[in-house]
Amino acid sequence: MTHPYPDPVPPGPTPGPGPDPVPPNPTPPGPGPDPVPPTPTPPVPGPGPDPAPSPDPTPSPLPDPSPDPVPQPGPLT
C-alpha cells in the first residue's frame, strides 16, 4: 500500500542572513561649542587736542615803573 502523501520535498538550501541591514543615518554633528565672541578692538587714541602754545622763551619786559614824582616845593606858609 502506498502512502497517501508523496515523499516530503527535501528542504532547500538554508537561506543566508540576507542583505546587510541599512546602516542608520549618521547623527549630524551638534552645534559645537559656543563661538568665542570677538575681542572688542580698543579705540585708537586720536591726535588729541592741539597742544597749548609754548610760552615765549623770553618773558616780555615789564614796563619801567614810573619814577616817584619829585615833590614840588609848595608855597611857604
C-alpha atoms as a PDB file:
ATOM      1  CA  MET A   1       0.000   0.000   0.000  1.00  0.00           C
ATOM      2  CA  THR A   2       1.361   3.409  -0.942  1.00  0.00           C
ATOM      3  CA  HIS A   3       1.494   6.366   1.301  1.00  0.00           C
ATOM      4  CA  PRO A   4      -1.330   8.748   0.742  1.00  0.00           C
ATOM      5  CA  TYR A   5       1.172  11.577   0.567  1.00  0.00           C
ATOM      6  CA  PRO A   6       4.237  11.761  -1.627  1.00  0.00           C
ATOM      7  CA  ASP A   7       7.652  11.834  -0.055  1.00  0.00           C
ATOM      8  CA  PRO A   8       8.292  15.179   1.527  1.00  0.00           C
ATOM      9  CA  VAL A   9      10.314  17.551  -0.597  1.00  0.00           C
ATOM     10  CA  PRO A  10      13.812  17.737   0.755  1.00  0.00           C
ATOM     11  CA  PRO A  11      14.477  21.097   2.276  1.00  0.00           C
ATOM     12  CA  GLY A  12      16.275  23.562   0.086  1.00  0.00           C
ATOM     13  CA  PRO A  13      19.447  25.310   0.990  1.00  0.00           C
ATOM     14  CA  THR A  14      19.337  27.258   4.210  1.00  0.00           C
ATOM     15  CA  PRO A  15      18.740  30.880   3.386  1.00  0.00           C
ATOM     16  CA  GLY A  16      21.623  33.158   4.232  1.00  0.00           C
ATOM     17  CA  PRO A  17      21.471  36.066   6.618  1.00  0.00           C
ATOM     18  CA  GLY A  18      20.117  38.228   3.862  1.00  0.00           C
ATOM     19  CA  PRO A  19      21.337  41.629   2.749  1.00  0.00           C
ATOM     20  CA  ASP A  20      23.261  43.763   5.165  1.00  0.00           C
ATOM     21  CA  PRO A  21      20.951  45.932   7.165  1.00  0.00           C
ATOM     22  CA  VAL A  22      20.821  49.535   6.065  1.00  0.00           C
ATOM     23  CA  PRO A  23      23.174  51.439   8.322  1.00  0.00           C
ATOM     24  CA  PRO A  24      21.439  54.144  10.299  1.00  0.00           C
ATOM     25  CA  ASN A  25      21.909  57.677   9.119  1.00  0.00           C
ATOM     26  CA  PRO A  26      24.903  59.151  10.855  1.00  0.00           C
ATOM     27  CA  THR A  27      23.954  61.600  13.541  1.00  0.00           C
ATOM     28  CA  PRO A  28      24.652  65.085  12.244  1.00  0.00           C
ATOM     29  CA  PRO A  29      27.244  66.900  14.289  1.00  0.00           C
ATOM     30  CA  GLY A  30      25.903  69.091  17.036  1.00  0.00           C
ATOM     31  CA  PRO A  31      26.183  72.850  17.096  1.00  0.00           C
ATOM     32  CA  GLY A  32      29.576  72.556  18.759  1.00  0.00           C
ATOM     33  CA  PRO A  33      30.939  74.865  21.406  1.00  0.00           C
ATOM     34  CA  ASP A  34      29.644  78.379  21.669  1.00  0.00           C
ATOM     35  CA  PRO A  35      31.624  80.637  19.375  1.00  0.00           C
ATOM     36  CA  VAL A  36      34.052  82.879  21.172  1.00  0.00           C
ATOM     37  CA  PRO A  37      32.804  86.451  20.917  1.00  0.00           C
ATOM     38  CA  PRO A  38      35.277  88.665  19.103  1.00  0.00           C
ATOM     39  CA  THR A  39      37.501  90.691  21.369  1.00  0.00           C
ATOM     40  CA  PRO A  40      36.438  94.321  21.090  1.00  0.00           C
ATOM     41  CA  THR A  41      39.149  96.378  19.490  1.00  0.00           C
ATOM     42  CA  PRO A  42      40.214  99.165  21.848  1.00  0.00           C
ATOM     43  CA  PRO A  43      39.734 102.572  20.287  1.00  0.00           C
ATOM     44  CA  VAL A  44      42.855 104.014  18.779  1.00  0.00           C
ATOM     45  CA  PRO A  45      43.643 107.298  20.504  1.00  0.00           C
ATOM     46  CA  GLY A  46      43.426 110.183  18.129  1.00  0.00           C
ATOM     47  CA  PRO A  47      45.854 113.062  17.914  1.00  0.00           C
ATOM     48  CA  GLY A  48      44.022 114.751  20.760  1.00  0.00           C
ATOM     49  CA  PRO A  49      43.515 118.466  21.236  1.00  0.00           C
ATOM     50  CA  ASP A  50      46.007 120.883  19.794  1.00  0.00           C
ATOM     51  CA  PRO A  51      48.853 121.351  22.206  1.00  0.00           C
ATOM     52  CA  ALA A  52      48.861 124.600  24.104  1.00  0.00           C
ATOM     53  CA  PRO A  53      51.159 127.154  22.531  1.00  0.00           C
ATOM     54  CA  SER A  54      54.502 127.081  24.206  1.00  0.00           C
ATOM     55  CA  PRO A  55      55.197 130.155  26.310  1.00  0.00           C
ATOM     56  CA  ASP A  56      57.630 132.631  24.890  1.00  0.00           C
ATOM     57  CA  PRO A  57      61.101 131.698  25.988  1.00  0.00           C
ATOM     58  CA  THR A  58      61.871 135.302  26.902  1.00  0.00           C
ATOM     59  CA  PRO A  59      59.250 136.988  29.036  1.00  0.00           C
ATOM     60  CA  SER A  60      58.171 140.343  27.776  1.00  0.00           C
ATOM     61  CA  PRO A  61      59.888 143.067  29.793  1.00  0.00           C
ATOM     62  CA  LEU A  62      57.725 144.761  32.331  1.00  0.00           C
ATOM     63  CA  PRO A  63      57.212 148.460  31.774  1.00  0.00           C
ATOM     64  CA  ASP A  64      59.517 150.541  33.871  1.00  0.00           C
ATOM     65  CA  PRO A  65      57.746 151.750  36.949  1.00  0.00           C
ATOM     66  CA  SER A  66      57.177 155.447  36.748  1.00  0.00           C
ATOM     67  CA  PRO A  67      59.632 157.281  38.964  1.00  0.00           C
ATOM     68  CA  ASP A  68      58.276 158.812  42.083  1.00  0.00           C
ATOM     69  CA  PRO A  69      57.188 162.298  41.250  1.00  0.00           C
ATOM     70  CA  VAL A  70      59.575 164.858  42.566  1.00  0.00           C
ATOM     71  CA  PRO A  71      57.748 166.836  45.196  1.00  0.00           C
ATOM     72  CA  GLN A  72      57.376 170.358  44.033  1.00  0.00           C
ATOM     73  CA  PRO A  73      58.094 172.955  46.583  1.00  0.00           C
ATOM     74  CA  GLY A  74      54.859 174.472  47.593  1.00  0.00           C
ATOM     75  CA  PRO A  75      54.293 177.943  48.798  1.00  0.00           C
ATOM     76  CA  LEU A  76      55.883 178.532  52.083  1.00  0.00           C
ATOM     77  CA  THR A  77      53.439 179.321  54.745  1.00  0.00           C
END
